[in-house]
N, C-alpha and C. Protein backbone atom coordinates (compact mmCIF):
# COMPACT_ATOMS: atom_id res chain seq x y z
N MET A 1 45.29 15.46 13.44
CA MET A 1 46.08 16.55 12.90
C MET A 1 45.17 17.62 12.31
N ARG A 2 45.41 18.92 12.66
CA ARG A 2 44.61 19.98 12.09
C ARG A 2 44.96 20.16 10.62
N LEU A 3 43.96 20.61 9.82
CA LEU A 3 44.17 20.77 8.41
C LEU A 3 45.16 21.86 8.09
N VAL A 4 45.27 22.88 8.95
CA VAL A 4 46.25 23.94 8.69
C VAL A 4 47.64 23.36 8.73
N GLY A 5 47.91 22.54 9.75
CA GLY A 5 49.22 21.91 9.85
C GLY A 5 49.47 20.96 8.70
N ALA A 6 48.46 20.21 8.32
CA ALA A 6 48.60 19.27 7.20
C ALA A 6 48.92 19.98 5.92
N LEU A 7 48.25 21.12 5.66
CA LEU A 7 48.52 21.86 4.44
C LEU A 7 49.91 22.45 4.46
N GLY A 8 50.37 22.88 5.66
CA GLY A 8 51.74 23.41 5.76
C GLY A 8 52.77 22.39 5.38
N MET A 9 52.57 21.14 5.77
CA MET A 9 53.49 20.08 5.40
C MET A 9 53.51 19.86 3.91
N LEU A 10 52.33 19.94 3.28
CA LEU A 10 52.25 19.70 1.86
C LEU A 10 52.90 20.80 1.05
N LEU A 11 52.90 22.05 1.60
CA LEU A 11 53.45 23.16 0.86
C LEU A 11 54.92 23.43 1.19
N ALA A 12 55.46 22.71 2.13
CA ALA A 12 56.86 22.91 2.48
C ALA A 12 57.76 22.59 1.31
N GLY A 13 58.81 23.40 1.14
CA GLY A 13 59.73 23.19 0.02
C GLY A 13 60.47 21.88 0.14
N PRO A 14 60.78 21.20 -0.95
CA PRO A 14 61.45 19.91 -0.92
C PRO A 14 62.91 20.04 -0.51
N ALA A 15 63.40 19.06 0.23
CA ALA A 15 64.81 18.95 0.58
C ALA A 15 65.43 17.90 -0.32
N LEU A 16 66.61 17.44 0.06
CA LEU A 16 67.28 16.43 -0.74
C LEU A 16 66.57 15.09 -0.64
N ALA A 17 66.40 14.42 -1.77
CA ALA A 17 65.74 13.12 -1.79
C ALA A 17 66.64 12.06 -1.17
N ALA A 18 66.04 10.94 -0.76
CA ALA A 18 66.79 9.85 -0.18
C ALA A 18 67.75 9.27 -1.22
N PRO A 19 68.88 8.69 -0.78
CA PRO A 19 69.87 8.17 -1.72
C PRO A 19 69.30 7.12 -2.71
N ASP A 20 68.29 6.36 -2.29
CA ASP A 20 67.71 5.35 -3.17
C ASP A 20 66.54 5.89 -3.98
N GLY A 21 66.40 7.22 -3.99
CA GLY A 21 65.32 7.84 -4.71
C GLY A 21 63.98 7.71 -4.00
N GLY A 22 64.01 7.36 -2.75
CA GLY A 22 62.77 7.27 -1.95
C GLY A 22 62.09 5.92 -2.05
N GLU A 23 62.69 4.94 -2.69
CA GLU A 23 62.04 3.63 -2.84
C GLU A 23 61.79 2.96 -1.50
N ALA A 24 62.72 3.12 -0.57
CA ALA A 24 62.53 2.51 0.75
C ALA A 24 61.34 3.16 1.50
N VAL A 25 61.19 4.47 1.33
CA VAL A 25 60.07 5.17 1.97
C VAL A 25 58.76 4.67 1.39
N VAL A 26 58.70 4.53 0.06
CA VAL A 26 57.50 4.04 -0.61
C VAL A 26 57.16 2.62 -0.08
N ALA A 27 58.17 1.77 0.03
CA ALA A 27 57.95 0.41 0.52
C ALA A 27 57.43 0.41 1.96
N ARG A 28 58.01 1.26 2.81
CA ARG A 28 57.55 1.33 4.20
C ARG A 28 56.10 1.84 4.26
N ALA A 29 55.81 2.84 3.43
CA ALA A 29 54.46 3.40 3.42
C ALA A 29 53.43 2.38 2.95
N ARG A 30 53.77 1.62 1.93
CA ARG A 30 52.87 0.57 1.43
C ARG A 30 52.62 -0.49 2.51
N ALA A 31 53.67 -0.91 3.18
CA ALA A 31 53.54 -1.94 4.22
C ALA A 31 52.72 -1.41 5.40
N PHE A 32 52.96 -0.16 5.77
CA PHE A 32 52.23 0.41 6.90
C PHE A 32 50.75 0.53 6.57
N GLU A 33 50.44 0.99 5.36
CA GLU A 33 49.03 1.09 4.98
C GLU A 33 48.35 -0.28 4.94
N ALA A 34 49.06 -1.28 4.46
CA ALA A 34 48.49 -2.62 4.40
C ALA A 34 48.09 -3.11 5.78
N GLY A 35 48.95 -2.85 6.77
CA GLY A 35 48.62 -3.22 8.14
C GLY A 35 47.42 -2.45 8.68
N GLN A 36 47.36 -1.17 8.34
CA GLN A 36 46.21 -0.36 8.77
C GLN A 36 44.90 -0.88 8.17
N LEU A 37 44.93 -1.28 6.91
CA LEU A 37 43.73 -1.76 6.26
C LEU A 37 43.24 -3.05 6.91
N ARG A 38 44.16 -3.91 7.31
CA ARG A 38 43.74 -5.14 7.99
C ARG A 38 43.05 -4.82 9.32
N ALA A 39 43.56 -3.81 10.03
CA ALA A 39 42.94 -3.44 11.29
C ALA A 39 41.62 -2.74 11.09
N LEU A 40 41.55 -1.86 10.07
CA LEU A 40 40.33 -1.11 9.82
C LEU A 40 39.19 -2.01 9.29
N ALA A 41 39.55 -3.15 8.73
CA ALA A 41 38.53 -4.06 8.20
C ALA A 41 37.64 -4.61 9.30
N ALA A 42 38.06 -4.47 10.53
CA ALA A 42 37.28 -5.01 11.66
C ALA A 42 36.13 -4.09 12.06
N ARG A 43 36.14 -2.86 11.58
CA ARG A 43 35.08 -1.93 11.99
C ARG A 43 34.94 -0.83 10.95
N PRO A 44 33.69 -0.35 10.73
CA PRO A 44 33.48 0.72 9.76
C PRO A 44 33.88 2.08 10.36
N VAL A 45 34.14 3.02 9.47
CA VAL A 45 34.45 4.41 9.85
C VAL A 45 33.31 5.27 9.32
N GLU A 46 32.76 6.12 10.18
CA GLU A 46 31.62 6.94 9.80
C GLU A 46 32.01 8.41 9.68
N LEU A 47 31.53 9.08 8.64
CA LEU A 47 31.84 10.47 8.37
C LEU A 47 30.56 11.30 8.29
N HIS A 48 30.64 12.50 8.82
CA HIS A 48 29.57 13.48 8.64
C HIS A 48 30.10 14.62 7.79
N THR A 49 29.40 14.96 6.73
CA THR A 49 29.78 16.05 5.84
C THR A 49 28.75 17.16 5.90
N HIS A 50 29.21 18.40 6.07
CA HIS A 50 28.32 19.54 6.09
C HIS A 50 28.91 20.63 5.21
N GLY A 51 28.08 21.28 4.41
CA GLY A 51 28.59 22.35 3.58
C GLY A 51 27.53 22.94 2.71
N PHE A 52 27.95 23.71 1.72
CA PHE A 52 27.00 24.40 0.85
C PHE A 52 27.52 24.43 -0.59
N VAL A 53 26.58 24.60 -1.52
CA VAL A 53 26.91 24.88 -2.91
C VAL A 53 26.13 26.12 -3.31
N ASN A 54 26.72 26.95 -4.18
CA ASN A 54 26.09 28.16 -4.63
C ASN A 54 26.28 28.33 -6.12
N ASP A 55 25.20 28.62 -6.85
CA ASP A 55 25.29 28.79 -8.29
C ASP A 55 25.34 30.25 -8.71
N GLY A 56 25.64 31.14 -7.75
CA GLY A 56 25.68 32.55 -8.03
C GLY A 56 24.39 33.26 -7.64
N LYS A 57 23.33 32.47 -7.43
CA LYS A 57 22.04 33.04 -7.05
C LYS A 57 21.46 32.37 -5.82
N THR A 58 21.59 31.06 -5.78
CA THR A 58 20.96 30.27 -4.72
C THR A 58 22.00 29.45 -3.98
N THR A 59 21.88 29.41 -2.66
CA THR A 59 22.75 28.59 -1.82
C THR A 59 21.96 27.39 -1.32
N ARG A 60 22.50 26.21 -1.51
CA ARG A 60 21.88 24.96 -1.00
C ARG A 60 22.77 24.40 0.08
N VAL A 61 22.17 24.06 1.21
CA VAL A 61 22.90 23.51 2.36
C VAL A 61 22.79 21.99 2.34
N ILE A 62 23.92 21.33 2.47
CA ILE A 62 23.96 19.87 2.31
C ILE A 62 24.58 19.22 3.55
N ASP A 63 23.91 18.16 4.03
CA ASP A 63 24.46 17.31 5.08
C ASP A 63 24.39 15.88 4.59
N SER A 64 25.43 15.11 4.89
CA SER A 64 25.36 13.69 4.54
C SER A 64 26.15 12.88 5.56
N PHE A 65 25.74 11.64 5.72
CA PHE A 65 26.42 10.68 6.57
C PHE A 65 26.80 9.49 5.71
N ARG A 66 28.10 9.13 5.79
CA ARG A 66 28.61 8.03 4.99
C ARG A 66 29.36 7.04 5.88
N ARG A 67 29.41 5.80 5.42
CA ARG A 67 30.13 4.75 6.16
C ARG A 67 31.21 4.20 5.23
N LEU A 68 32.45 4.19 5.72
CA LEU A 68 33.57 3.65 4.98
C LEU A 68 33.85 2.24 5.45
N LEU A 69 33.77 1.29 4.54
CA LEU A 69 34.05 -0.12 4.86
C LEU A 69 35.37 -0.50 4.23
N TYR A 70 36.37 -0.75 5.04
CA TYR A 70 37.71 -1.10 4.57
C TYR A 70 37.83 -2.62 4.37
N HIS A 71 38.61 -2.98 3.33
CA HIS A 71 38.86 -4.38 3.02
C HIS A 71 40.35 -4.64 2.99
N PRO A 72 40.81 -5.78 3.46
CA PRO A 72 42.26 -6.05 3.51
C PRO A 72 42.98 -5.96 2.20
N ASP A 73 42.28 -6.13 1.05
CA ASP A 73 42.94 -6.08 -0.24
C ASP A 73 43.12 -4.65 -0.74
N GLY A 74 42.76 -3.65 0.07
CA GLY A 74 42.95 -2.26 -0.32
C GLY A 74 41.70 -1.58 -0.83
N ALA A 75 40.65 -2.33 -1.09
CA ALA A 75 39.40 -1.72 -1.54
C ALA A 75 38.69 -1.07 -0.36
N VAL A 76 38.01 0.01 -0.64
CA VAL A 76 37.21 0.70 0.38
C VAL A 76 35.84 1.01 -0.20
N THR A 77 34.80 0.59 0.47
CA THR A 77 33.43 0.88 0.06
C THR A 77 32.97 2.16 0.74
N ASN A 78 32.66 3.17 -0.07
CA ASN A 78 32.19 4.47 0.46
C ASN A 78 30.67 4.46 0.34
N GLN A 79 30.00 4.15 1.44
CA GLN A 79 28.57 3.85 1.43
C GLN A 79 27.74 5.01 1.98
N PHE A 80 26.79 5.49 1.17
CA PHE A 80 25.88 6.57 1.59
C PHE A 80 24.88 6.01 2.61
N GLU A 81 24.69 6.71 3.71
CA GLU A 81 23.74 6.28 4.73
C GLU A 81 22.46 7.12 4.67
N ASN A 82 22.59 8.42 4.81
CA ASN A 82 21.43 9.32 4.71
C ASN A 82 21.94 10.73 4.53
N GLY A 83 21.04 11.64 4.11
CA GLY A 83 21.43 13.01 3.88
C GLY A 83 20.28 13.97 3.96
N GLN A 84 20.63 15.25 3.97
CA GLN A 84 19.63 16.30 3.97
C GLN A 84 20.02 17.39 2.99
N LEU A 85 19.04 17.96 2.34
CA LEU A 85 19.22 19.09 1.45
C LEU A 85 18.33 20.22 1.95
N ASP A 86 18.99 21.31 2.37
CA ASP A 86 18.26 22.46 2.94
C ASP A 86 17.39 22.01 4.12
N GLY A 87 17.92 21.08 4.93
CA GLY A 87 17.23 20.67 6.14
C GLY A 87 16.16 19.60 5.94
N LYS A 88 16.00 19.11 4.70
CA LYS A 88 14.98 18.09 4.41
C LYS A 88 15.66 16.81 3.92
N PRO A 89 15.11 15.64 4.29
CA PRO A 89 15.73 14.37 3.85
C PRO A 89 15.89 14.33 2.33
N ALA A 90 17.04 13.79 1.91
CA ALA A 90 17.35 13.73 0.48
C ALA A 90 18.12 12.46 0.16
N THR A 91 17.94 11.97 -1.04
CA THR A 91 18.68 10.78 -1.50
C THR A 91 20.06 11.19 -1.98
N GLU A 92 20.90 10.21 -2.20
CA GLU A 92 22.24 10.49 -2.70
C GLU A 92 22.17 11.13 -4.08
N ALA A 93 21.24 10.65 -4.92
CA ALA A 93 21.08 11.21 -6.26
C ALA A 93 20.68 12.69 -6.20
N GLU A 94 19.82 13.04 -5.25
CA GLU A 94 19.38 14.43 -5.10
C GLU A 94 20.54 15.31 -4.62
N LEU A 95 21.37 14.78 -3.74
CA LEU A 95 22.52 15.56 -3.26
C LEU A 95 23.54 15.75 -4.38
N ARG A 96 23.80 14.70 -5.17
CA ARG A 96 24.74 14.80 -6.27
C ARG A 96 24.25 15.81 -7.30
N LYS A 97 22.96 15.83 -7.56
CA LYS A 97 22.41 16.79 -8.51
C LYS A 97 22.59 18.23 -8.00
N ALA A 98 22.34 18.43 -6.70
CA ALA A 98 22.50 19.76 -6.11
C ALA A 98 23.95 20.23 -6.18
N MET A 99 24.89 19.25 -6.09
CA MET A 99 26.31 19.59 -6.14
C MET A 99 26.84 19.70 -7.57
N GLY A 100 26.01 19.37 -8.56
CA GLY A 100 26.44 19.44 -9.94
C GLY A 100 27.26 18.25 -10.35
N ALA A 101 27.15 17.13 -9.66
CA ALA A 101 27.96 15.94 -9.96
C ALA A 101 27.14 14.81 -10.52
N GLU A 102 25.90 15.10 -10.92
CA GLU A 102 25.05 14.00 -11.43
C GLU A 102 25.51 13.48 -12.78
N ASP A 103 26.36 14.25 -13.49
CA ASP A 103 26.80 13.84 -14.81
C ASP A 103 28.05 12.95 -14.76
N LYS A 104 28.55 12.70 -13.56
CA LYS A 104 29.75 11.86 -13.38
C LYS A 104 29.39 10.56 -12.71
N PRO A 105 29.79 9.41 -13.28
CA PRO A 105 29.61 8.15 -12.54
C PRO A 105 30.34 8.23 -11.21
N GLY A 106 29.82 7.51 -10.22
CA GLY A 106 30.40 7.58 -8.89
C GLY A 106 31.89 7.33 -8.85
N GLU A 107 32.36 6.37 -9.62
CA GLU A 107 33.79 6.03 -9.61
C GLU A 107 34.63 7.15 -10.17
N GLN A 108 34.10 7.89 -11.17
CA GLN A 108 34.85 8.98 -11.76
C GLN A 108 34.75 10.26 -10.95
N GLY A 109 33.56 10.56 -10.46
CA GLY A 109 33.32 11.84 -9.84
C GLY A 109 33.57 11.90 -8.36
N GLU A 110 33.77 10.77 -7.70
CA GLU A 110 33.98 10.73 -6.24
C GLU A 110 35.45 11.12 -5.96
N VAL A 111 35.65 12.10 -5.09
CA VAL A 111 36.99 12.64 -4.84
C VAL A 111 37.68 11.96 -3.65
N LEU A 112 37.03 11.96 -2.50
CA LEU A 112 37.68 11.45 -1.28
C LEU A 112 38.14 10.00 -1.42
N GLY A 113 37.37 9.18 -2.12
CA GLY A 113 37.70 7.77 -2.22
C GLY A 113 39.10 7.47 -2.72
N TRP A 114 39.62 8.33 -3.58
CA TRP A 114 40.96 8.08 -4.13
C TRP A 114 42.06 8.22 -3.06
N ALA A 115 41.76 8.92 -1.96
CA ALA A 115 42.78 9.13 -0.94
C ALA A 115 42.62 8.20 0.24
N LEU A 116 41.65 7.29 0.23
CA LEU A 116 41.43 6.44 1.38
C LEU A 116 42.50 5.37 1.53
N ALA A 117 42.91 4.76 0.42
CA ALA A 117 43.97 3.74 0.46
C ALA A 117 44.80 3.84 -0.83
N PRO A 118 45.42 5.00 -1.07
CA PRO A 118 46.11 5.23 -2.34
C PRO A 118 47.32 4.34 -2.59
N LEU A 119 47.96 3.90 -1.52
CA LEU A 119 49.19 3.11 -1.68
C LEU A 119 48.88 1.64 -1.98
N SER A 120 47.63 1.25 -1.79
CA SER A 120 47.23 -0.14 -2.04
C SER A 120 46.40 -0.29 -3.30
N SER A 121 46.04 0.82 -3.93
CA SER A 121 45.18 0.80 -5.10
C SER A 121 45.92 0.37 -6.36
N PRO A 122 45.39 -0.57 -7.13
CA PRO A 122 46.01 -0.97 -8.40
C PRO A 122 45.89 0.12 -9.46
N ASP A 123 45.07 1.15 -9.19
CA ASP A 123 44.88 2.22 -10.14
C ASP A 123 45.76 3.42 -9.89
N MET A 124 46.74 3.25 -8.98
CA MET A 124 47.65 4.34 -8.63
C MET A 124 49.10 3.97 -8.99
N GLU A 125 49.81 4.94 -9.51
CA GLU A 125 51.25 4.80 -9.73
C GLU A 125 51.94 5.71 -8.72
N VAL A 126 52.73 5.13 -7.80
CA VAL A 126 53.30 5.87 -6.69
C VAL A 126 54.76 6.21 -6.97
N ALA A 127 55.10 7.48 -6.76
CA ALA A 127 56.48 7.93 -6.94
C ALA A 127 56.89 8.78 -5.76
N ALA A 128 58.15 8.66 -5.33
CA ALA A 128 58.68 9.47 -4.25
C ALA A 128 59.04 10.86 -4.79
N VAL A 129 58.72 11.88 -4.00
CA VAL A 129 59.05 13.25 -4.40
C VAL A 129 60.24 13.77 -3.60
N GLY A 130 60.17 13.68 -2.28
CA GLY A 130 61.27 14.14 -1.45
C GLY A 130 60.82 14.46 -0.03
N PRO A 131 61.76 14.79 0.85
CA PRO A 131 61.45 15.08 2.25
C PRO A 131 60.50 16.25 2.39
N ALA A 132 59.70 16.22 3.46
CA ALA A 132 58.78 17.30 3.83
C ALA A 132 59.07 17.71 5.26
N ALA A 133 58.40 18.74 5.72
CA ALA A 133 58.65 19.29 7.07
C ALA A 133 58.32 18.28 8.16
N GLY A 134 58.99 18.40 9.27
CA GLY A 134 58.67 17.60 10.44
C GLY A 134 58.94 16.13 10.30
N GLY A 135 59.98 15.76 9.54
CA GLY A 135 60.32 14.35 9.40
C GLY A 135 59.39 13.62 8.45
N GLY A 136 58.69 14.36 7.59
CA GLY A 136 57.81 13.75 6.63
C GLY A 136 58.47 13.47 5.29
N TYR A 137 57.75 12.82 4.42
CA TYR A 137 58.26 12.54 3.06
C TYR A 137 57.05 12.60 2.13
N THR A 138 57.21 13.28 0.99
CA THR A 138 56.13 13.48 0.06
C THR A 138 56.14 12.37 -1.02
N LEU A 139 54.99 11.79 -1.24
CA LEU A 139 54.79 10.79 -2.29
C LEU A 139 53.68 11.27 -3.22
N ARG A 140 53.85 11.03 -4.52
CA ARG A 140 52.82 11.41 -5.47
C ARG A 140 52.19 10.15 -6.05
N CYS A 141 50.87 10.02 -5.88
CA CYS A 141 50.13 8.87 -6.35
C CYS A 141 49.28 9.30 -7.57
N ARG A 142 49.73 8.92 -8.74
CA ARG A 142 49.03 9.36 -9.99
C ARG A 142 47.95 8.34 -10.35
N VAL A 143 46.76 8.86 -10.63
CA VAL A 143 45.62 8.02 -11.04
C VAL A 143 45.83 7.59 -12.48
N LYS A 144 45.79 6.29 -12.73
CA LYS A 144 46.08 5.76 -14.06
C LYS A 144 44.85 5.58 -14.94
N LYS A 145 43.66 5.89 -14.41
CA LYS A 145 42.45 5.70 -15.20
C LYS A 145 41.68 7.00 -15.32
N ASP A 146 40.64 7.00 -16.13
CA ASP A 146 39.84 8.20 -16.32
C ASP A 146 39.05 8.49 -15.06
N ALA A 147 39.29 9.66 -14.46
CA ALA A 147 38.63 10.05 -13.23
C ALA A 147 38.73 11.54 -13.07
N MET A 148 37.87 12.09 -12.21
CA MET A 148 37.97 13.52 -11.89
C MET A 148 39.27 13.85 -11.21
N VAL A 149 39.75 12.93 -10.39
CA VAL A 149 41.02 13.09 -9.64
C VAL A 149 42.17 12.66 -10.53
N SER A 150 43.22 13.51 -10.58
CA SER A 150 44.40 13.17 -11.36
C SER A 150 45.54 12.60 -10.50
N ALA A 151 45.62 13.04 -9.23
CA ALA A 151 46.69 12.55 -8.37
C ALA A 151 46.37 12.85 -6.92
N VAL A 152 46.96 12.06 -6.04
CA VAL A 152 46.91 12.29 -4.60
C VAL A 152 48.33 12.49 -4.10
N VAL A 153 48.62 13.66 -3.54
CA VAL A 153 49.94 13.96 -3.02
C VAL A 153 49.95 13.72 -1.53
N LEU A 154 50.69 12.69 -1.13
CA LEU A 154 50.71 12.27 0.29
C LEU A 154 51.92 12.81 1.01
N VAL A 155 51.75 13.11 2.29
CA VAL A 155 52.89 13.27 3.18
C VAL A 155 52.82 12.14 4.20
N VAL A 156 53.88 11.35 4.24
CA VAL A 156 53.97 10.22 5.19
C VAL A 156 55.13 10.48 6.14
N ASP A 157 55.12 9.75 7.25
CA ASP A 157 56.27 9.81 8.17
C ASP A 157 57.41 9.05 7.52
N GLU A 158 58.57 9.69 7.38
CA GLU A 158 59.67 9.09 6.66
C GLU A 158 60.16 7.81 7.32
N LYS A 159 60.15 7.75 8.64
CA LYS A 159 60.70 6.59 9.35
C LYS A 159 59.74 5.40 9.38
N THR A 160 58.45 5.69 9.55
CA THR A 160 57.50 4.60 9.69
C THR A 160 56.67 4.34 8.45
N GLY A 161 56.45 5.40 7.64
CA GLY A 161 55.59 5.27 6.47
C GLY A 161 54.13 5.59 6.76
N ARG A 162 53.79 5.98 7.97
CA ARG A 162 52.39 6.28 8.32
C ARG A 162 51.92 7.52 7.56
N LYS A 163 50.72 7.45 6.96
CA LYS A 163 50.17 8.58 6.25
C LYS A 163 49.79 9.70 7.25
N ARG A 164 50.16 10.91 6.90
CA ARG A 164 49.80 12.06 7.71
C ARG A 164 48.69 12.90 7.05
N SER A 165 48.90 13.26 5.80
CA SER A 165 47.97 14.16 5.13
C SER A 165 48.02 13.92 3.64
N ALA A 166 47.03 14.48 2.96
CA ALA A 166 46.97 14.34 1.50
C ALA A 166 46.36 15.59 0.88
N SER A 167 46.85 15.93 -0.29
CA SER A 167 46.23 16.95 -1.11
C SER A 167 45.77 16.25 -2.39
N ILE A 168 44.47 16.37 -2.70
CA ILE A 168 43.90 15.66 -3.85
C ILE A 168 43.82 16.64 -5.02
N GLU A 169 44.45 16.27 -6.13
CA GLU A 169 44.49 17.15 -7.30
C GLU A 169 43.40 16.75 -8.30
N ILE A 170 42.67 17.75 -8.75
CA ILE A 170 41.59 17.55 -9.71
C ILE A 170 42.10 17.87 -11.12
N GLY A 171 41.72 17.06 -12.09
CA GLY A 171 42.13 17.29 -13.45
C GLY A 171 40.95 17.80 -14.30
N GLY A 172 41.22 18.07 -15.56
CA GLY A 172 40.14 18.44 -16.49
C GLY A 172 39.79 19.91 -16.46
N MET A 173 38.71 20.23 -17.18
CA MET A 173 38.28 21.61 -17.36
C MET A 173 37.90 22.28 -16.06
N ARG A 174 37.29 21.53 -15.14
CA ARG A 174 36.85 22.16 -13.88
C ARG A 174 38.02 22.72 -13.13
N ALA A 175 39.12 21.99 -13.12
CA ALA A 175 40.31 22.48 -12.40
C ALA A 175 40.89 23.68 -13.09
N ARG A 176 40.91 23.70 -14.41
CA ARG A 176 41.48 24.83 -15.14
C ARG A 176 40.66 26.11 -14.99
N LEU A 177 39.35 25.95 -14.83
CA LEU A 177 38.49 27.12 -14.71
C LEU A 177 38.46 27.67 -13.28
N ALA A 178 38.76 26.86 -12.29
CA ALA A 178 38.61 27.28 -10.90
C ALA A 178 39.66 28.30 -10.51
N ASP A 179 39.24 29.36 -9.80
CA ASP A 179 40.21 30.30 -9.22
C ASP A 179 40.50 29.94 -7.75
N ARG A 180 39.72 28.99 -7.22
CA ARG A 180 40.00 28.43 -5.91
C ARG A 180 39.63 26.97 -5.94
N LEU A 181 40.55 26.13 -5.53
CA LEU A 181 40.29 24.68 -5.55
C LEU A 181 41.13 24.04 -4.46
N GLU A 182 40.47 23.40 -3.48
CA GLU A 182 41.17 22.82 -2.34
C GLU A 182 40.53 21.49 -1.95
N ASN A 183 41.34 20.47 -1.80
CA ASN A 183 40.89 19.17 -1.33
C ASN A 183 42.01 18.62 -0.43
N VAL A 184 41.88 18.85 0.87
CA VAL A 184 42.94 18.50 1.82
C VAL A 184 42.38 17.53 2.87
N LEU A 185 43.12 16.46 3.10
CA LEU A 185 42.71 15.42 4.03
C LEU A 185 43.74 15.21 5.10
N ALA A 186 43.28 15.07 6.34
CA ALA A 186 44.16 14.70 7.47
C ALA A 186 43.78 13.29 7.92
N TYR A 187 44.79 12.45 8.10
CA TYR A 187 44.58 11.06 8.50
C TYR A 187 44.76 10.91 10.02
N GLY A 188 44.02 9.98 10.62
CA GLY A 188 44.25 9.61 11.99
C GLY A 188 45.36 8.61 12.10
N ASP A 189 45.74 8.24 13.30
CA ASP A 189 46.82 7.29 13.50
C ASP A 189 46.50 5.91 12.90
N ASP A 190 45.20 5.61 12.74
CA ASP A 190 44.83 4.30 12.17
C ASP A 190 44.75 4.31 10.64
N GLY A 191 45.02 5.48 10.04
CA GLY A 191 45.00 5.57 8.58
C GLY A 191 43.67 5.99 7.99
N ALA A 192 42.63 6.11 8.80
CA ALA A 192 41.34 6.56 8.30
C ALA A 192 41.27 8.09 8.38
N PRO A 193 40.43 8.71 7.56
CA PRO A 193 40.35 10.19 7.59
C PRO A 193 39.73 10.67 8.88
N VAL A 194 40.27 11.76 9.42
CA VAL A 194 39.65 12.42 10.57
C VAL A 194 39.01 13.73 10.19
N GLU A 195 39.53 14.37 9.11
CA GLU A 195 38.96 15.61 8.63
C GLU A 195 39.31 15.80 7.15
N PHE A 196 38.33 16.29 6.41
CA PHE A 196 38.53 16.51 4.98
C PHE A 196 37.86 17.84 4.61
N HIS A 197 38.61 18.73 3.97
CA HIS A 197 38.07 20.01 3.56
C HIS A 197 38.12 20.09 2.05
N ALA A 198 36.98 20.35 1.43
CA ALA A 198 36.88 20.49 -0.02
C ALA A 198 36.20 21.82 -0.34
N ALA A 199 36.79 22.60 -1.22
CA ALA A 199 36.20 23.88 -1.58
C ALA A 199 36.61 24.26 -3.00
N PHE A 200 35.72 24.94 -3.71
CA PHE A 200 36.08 25.47 -5.02
C PHE A 200 35.25 26.70 -5.34
N HIS A 201 35.76 27.52 -6.27
CA HIS A 201 35.02 28.65 -6.78
C HIS A 201 35.48 28.92 -8.20
N PHE A 202 34.56 29.11 -9.11
CA PHE A 202 34.95 29.56 -10.45
C PHE A 202 33.86 30.48 -10.98
N LYS A 203 34.31 31.39 -11.86
CA LYS A 203 33.38 32.32 -12.50
C LYS A 203 33.86 32.54 -13.93
N MET A 204 32.93 32.35 -14.87
CA MET A 204 33.24 32.57 -16.27
C MET A 204 32.03 33.27 -16.89
N GLY A 205 32.21 34.55 -17.20
CA GLY A 205 31.09 35.33 -17.71
C GLY A 205 30.02 35.45 -16.66
N TRP A 206 28.81 35.08 -17.03
CA TRP A 206 27.69 35.15 -16.07
C TRP A 206 27.53 33.87 -15.25
N ILE A 207 28.40 32.87 -15.50
CA ILE A 207 28.31 31.60 -14.78
C ILE A 207 29.24 31.65 -13.58
N GLU A 208 28.71 31.38 -12.43
CA GLU A 208 29.50 31.36 -11.21
C GLU A 208 29.04 30.18 -10.33
N ARG A 209 29.98 29.51 -9.74
CA ARG A 209 29.64 28.37 -8.88
C ARG A 209 30.69 28.25 -7.79
N SER A 210 30.26 27.92 -6.59
CA SER A 210 31.19 27.74 -5.47
C SER A 210 30.63 26.67 -4.54
N ALA A 211 31.50 26.11 -3.75
CA ALA A 211 31.10 25.11 -2.76
C ALA A 211 32.17 25.05 -1.66
N ASP A 212 31.73 24.66 -0.49
CA ASP A 212 32.66 24.49 0.62
C ASP A 212 32.09 23.40 1.53
N PHE A 213 32.85 22.33 1.74
CA PHE A 213 32.43 21.20 2.55
C PHE A 213 33.50 20.79 3.53
N ARG A 214 33.05 20.34 4.69
CA ARG A 214 33.95 19.77 5.67
C ARG A 214 33.38 18.43 6.14
N SER A 215 34.20 17.41 6.07
CA SER A 215 33.82 16.07 6.54
C SER A 215 34.65 15.78 7.80
N ARG A 216 33.96 15.26 8.79
CA ARG A 216 34.67 14.89 10.04
C ARG A 216 34.25 13.50 10.46
N ARG A 217 35.19 12.80 11.04
CA ARG A 217 34.95 11.46 11.52
C ARG A 217 34.06 11.50 12.75
N ILE A 218 33.11 10.60 12.80
CA ILE A 218 32.20 10.48 13.94
C ILE A 218 32.78 9.47 14.92
N ALA A 219 32.96 9.92 16.16
CA ALA A 219 33.54 9.01 17.17
C ALA A 219 32.57 7.87 17.44
N PRO A 220 33.06 6.61 17.51
CA PRO A 220 32.18 5.48 17.81
C PRO A 220 31.63 5.60 19.23
N PRO A 221 30.46 5.05 19.48
CA PRO A 221 29.89 5.11 20.83
C PRO A 221 30.74 4.31 21.80
N ARG A 222 30.75 4.77 23.01
CA ARG A 222 31.52 4.06 24.06
C ARG A 222 30.84 2.73 24.40
N PRO A 223 31.65 1.70 24.60
CA PRO A 223 31.05 0.37 24.94
C PRO A 223 30.37 0.41 26.28
């Protein structure tokens, strides 16, 4: 699914909620994700991320390769493989520093991880919001612990519960200062991410910072 279409579903106005308040949709979505996690546990998913960060004066170009290891209990290991900073090999710590995220523990500061298996996470409180465009249904997954992410807003297929897309909401001062903030994820049919776009910009006085990243799934080699 293209991110433009995914974002359109997320922004579509709500229609009438299901008679049971959406509880059946939530149950179907949880069951569907659980099945996907069991299937994904058989093989890793690899992502390539490319983008830039700018502090108002200098632009740093970042590339990274990560491996997602799914577990049947809903846990997902987001494992750094290798990366480059301005075309030169770099460690994960060096990339986090360049992105301004070195002050956040990985569990708090990592954004994408919260949307990998939100319906199976014990740290999420899931509530039905209402119907979305194209036979979808919006669910809001609120993060119950201290983290950079405050919620993941999912669009699932109303009939099957399959995840289609997600918008990841950031909390705290960074979100309040930003004049542009976007974290949109499109899921593949197997429930793993196929594309993720993250971007932000804020300016306060002489301080300015921006970033734009796109992560795409790497197709496995043919047997």
